[in-house]
N, C-alpha and C. Protein backbone atom coordinates (compact mmCIF):
# COMPACT_ATOMS: atom_id res chain seq x y z
N UNK A 1 42.36 104.40 257.80
CA UNK A 1 42.32 104.51 256.96
C UNK A 1 42.44 103.25 256.03
N UNK A 2 41.35 102.36 255.36
CA UNK A 2 41.66 101.08 254.94
C UNK A 2 42.42 101.53 253.51
N UNK A 3 43.67 100.90 253.34
CA UNK A 3 44.49 100.65 252.41
C UNK A 3 44.07 100.01 251.00
N UNK A 4 44.00 100.45 249.79
CA UNK A 4 43.74 99.65 248.55
C UNK A 4 44.47 98.34 248.89
N UNK A 5 43.88 97.31 248.29
CA UNK A 5 44.60 95.59 248.13
C UNK A 5 45.35 96.27 246.65
N UNK A 6 45.12 97.18 246.02
CA UNK A 6 45.68 96.87 244.57
C UNK A 6 47.19 98.15 245.06
N UNK A 7 47.59 98.78 245.57
CA UNK A 7 48.15 99.54 245.74
C UNK A 7 49.48 99.31 245.92
N UNK A 8 50.48 99.54 245.35
CA UNK A 8 51.48 99.11 245.35
C UNK A 8 52.47 99.43 246.84
N UNK A 9 53.18 98.70 247.22
CA UNK A 9 53.57 98.96 248.37
C UNK A 9 55.02 98.63 248.95
N UNK A 10 56.06 99.11 249.49
CA UNK A 10 57.41 98.89 250.06
C UNK A 10 57.38 98.58 251.64
N UNK A 11 58.29 97.07 251.84
CA UNK A 11 58.50 96.69 252.81
C UNK A 11 58.91 97.90 253.43
N UNK A 12 58.85 97.90 254.77
CA UNK A 12 59.51 98.96 255.90
C UNK A 12 60.77 98.54 256.45
N UNK A 13 61.82 99.46 255.96
CA UNK A 13 63.39 99.48 255.86
C UNK A 13 63.80 98.90 254.38
N UNK A 14 63.17 98.89 253.73
CA UNK A 14 63.76 98.54 252.27
C UNK A 14 64.24 99.56 251.55
N UNK A 15 65.18 99.23 251.03
CA UNK A 15 65.70 100.40 250.25
C UNK A 15 65.76 100.88 248.85
N UNK A 16 64.35 100.95 248.36
CA UNK A 16 64.20 100.49 247.12
C UNK A 16 64.66 101.26 246.09
N UNK A 17 65.93 102.01 246.05
CA UNK A 17 66.83 102.00 245.03
C UNK A 17 67.75 101.51 244.64
N UNK A 18 68.07 100.25 245.49
CA UNK A 18 68.96 98.82 245.47
C UNK A 18 68.44 98.01 245.61
N UNK A 19 67.60 97.32 246.41
CA UNK A 19 66.70 95.91 246.39
C UNK A 19 65.48 95.61 244.94
N UNK A 20 65.47 97.10 244.91
CA UNK A 20 63.95 96.69 243.55
C UNK A 20 64.63 96.83 242.17
N UNK A 21 66.16 97.07 242.11
CA UNK A 21 67.26 96.70 241.12
C UNK A 21 67.62 95.15 241.21
N UNK A 22 67.66 94.17 242.15
CA UNK A 22 67.99 93.51 242.31
C UNK A 22 67.56 92.48 241.72
N UNK A 23 67.75 91.60 241.17
CA UNK A 23 67.63 90.37 240.12
C UNK A 23 67.01 89.09 240.77
N UNK A 24 65.90 88.29 240.46
CA UNK A 24 65.43 86.87 241.48
C UNK A 24 66.22 86.07 241.35
N UNK A 25 66.71 85.17 242.42
CA UNK A 25 67.48 84.01 241.84
C UNK A 25 66.82 82.93 240.82
N UNK A 26 67.62 82.15 240.50
CA UNK A 26 66.41 80.98 240.00
C UNK A 26 66.03 80.21 240.84
N UNK A 27 66.51 80.15 241.98
CA UNK A 27 65.43 79.23 242.81
C UNK A 27 64.28 80.32 243.05
N UNK A 28 63.97 81.66 242.99
CA UNK A 28 62.93 81.97 243.25
C UNK A 28 61.94 82.49 241.96
N UNK A 29 62.73 82.23 240.66
CA UNK A 29 61.65 82.35 240.20
C UNK A 29 61.02 81.06 239.67
N UNK A 30 61.49 79.91 240.09
CA UNK A 30 61.38 78.89 239.72
C UNK A 30 60.27 78.52 241.12
N UNK A 31 60.00 78.92 242.01
CA UNK A 31 59.06 79.08 242.86
C UNK A 31 57.92 80.06 242.70
N UNK A 32 58.40 81.03 241.82
CA UNK A 32 57.42 81.87 241.28
C UNK A 32 57.50 82.77 242.84
N UNK A 33 58.56 83.55 243.13
CA UNK A 33 58.54 83.91 244.29
C UNK A 33 59.29 85.27 243.84
N UNK A 34 58.81 85.69 243.25
CA UNK A 34 59.53 87.13 242.54
C UNK A 34 58.24 88.36 241.86
N UNK A 35 58.32 89.47 241.77
CA UNK A 35 57.58 90.47 241.69
C UNK A 35 58.30 91.37 240.35
N UNK A 36 57.34 91.54 239.49
CA UNK A 36 58.23 92.27 238.00
C UNK A 36 57.70 93.56 238.98
N UNK A 37 58.95 93.95 238.36
CA UNK A 37 58.98 96.05 238.81
C UNK A 37 59.37 96.66 237.69
N UNK A 38 58.12 98.01 237.28
CA UNK A 38 58.25 98.75 236.59
C UNK A 38 58.94 100.07 237.41
N UNK A 39 59.43 100.54 236.46
CA UNK A 39 60.12 102.03 236.95
C UNK A 39 60.11 103.30 235.89
N UNK A 40 59.18 104.04 236.20
CA UNK A 40 59.06 105.16 235.61
C UNK A 40 59.43 106.41 235.78
N UNK A 41 60.09 106.91 235.20
CA UNK A 41 60.52 108.35 235.19
C UNK A 41 60.56 109.40 234.41
N UNK A 42 60.48 110.97 234.99
CA UNK A 42 59.50 111.58 234.13
C UNK A 42 61.05 113.03 234.19
N UNK A 43 61.11 113.17 232.94
CA UNK A 43 62.28 114.22 232.75
C UNK A 43 61.59 115.24 232.61
N UNK A 44 62.12 116.21 233.39
CA UNK A 44 61.50 117.60 233.26
C UNK A 44 62.69 118.50 232.50
N UNK A 45 63.15 118.22 231.76
CA UNK A 45 64.26 118.59 230.85
C UNK A 45 63.63 119.59 229.79
N UNK A 46 63.46 121.06 229.51
CA UNK A 46 62.88 121.27 228.33
C UNK A 46 63.36 121.08 226.95
N UNK A 47 63.11 120.30 226.23
CA UNK A 47 63.66 120.05 225.14
C UNK A 47 64.18 121.73 224.18
N UNK A 48 63.36 122.22 224.61
CA UNK A 48 63.87 123.62 223.15
C UNK A 48 64.82 124.41 224.47
C-alpha cells in the first residue's frame, strides 16, 4: 500500500506528546528547519 505524500506522519520512536510541543530553536527557524504543528482536540462532554 502506497502512502499519500500529503498524509501527516510522525517519525518512529517520536513521543508526540512531548516533541510536538517543543519550540524550534532560533537556528532552526533561521534555516527554515521546522514544521508548524496544529493540535485539534474534540471535547466529548455534553454541555446540557
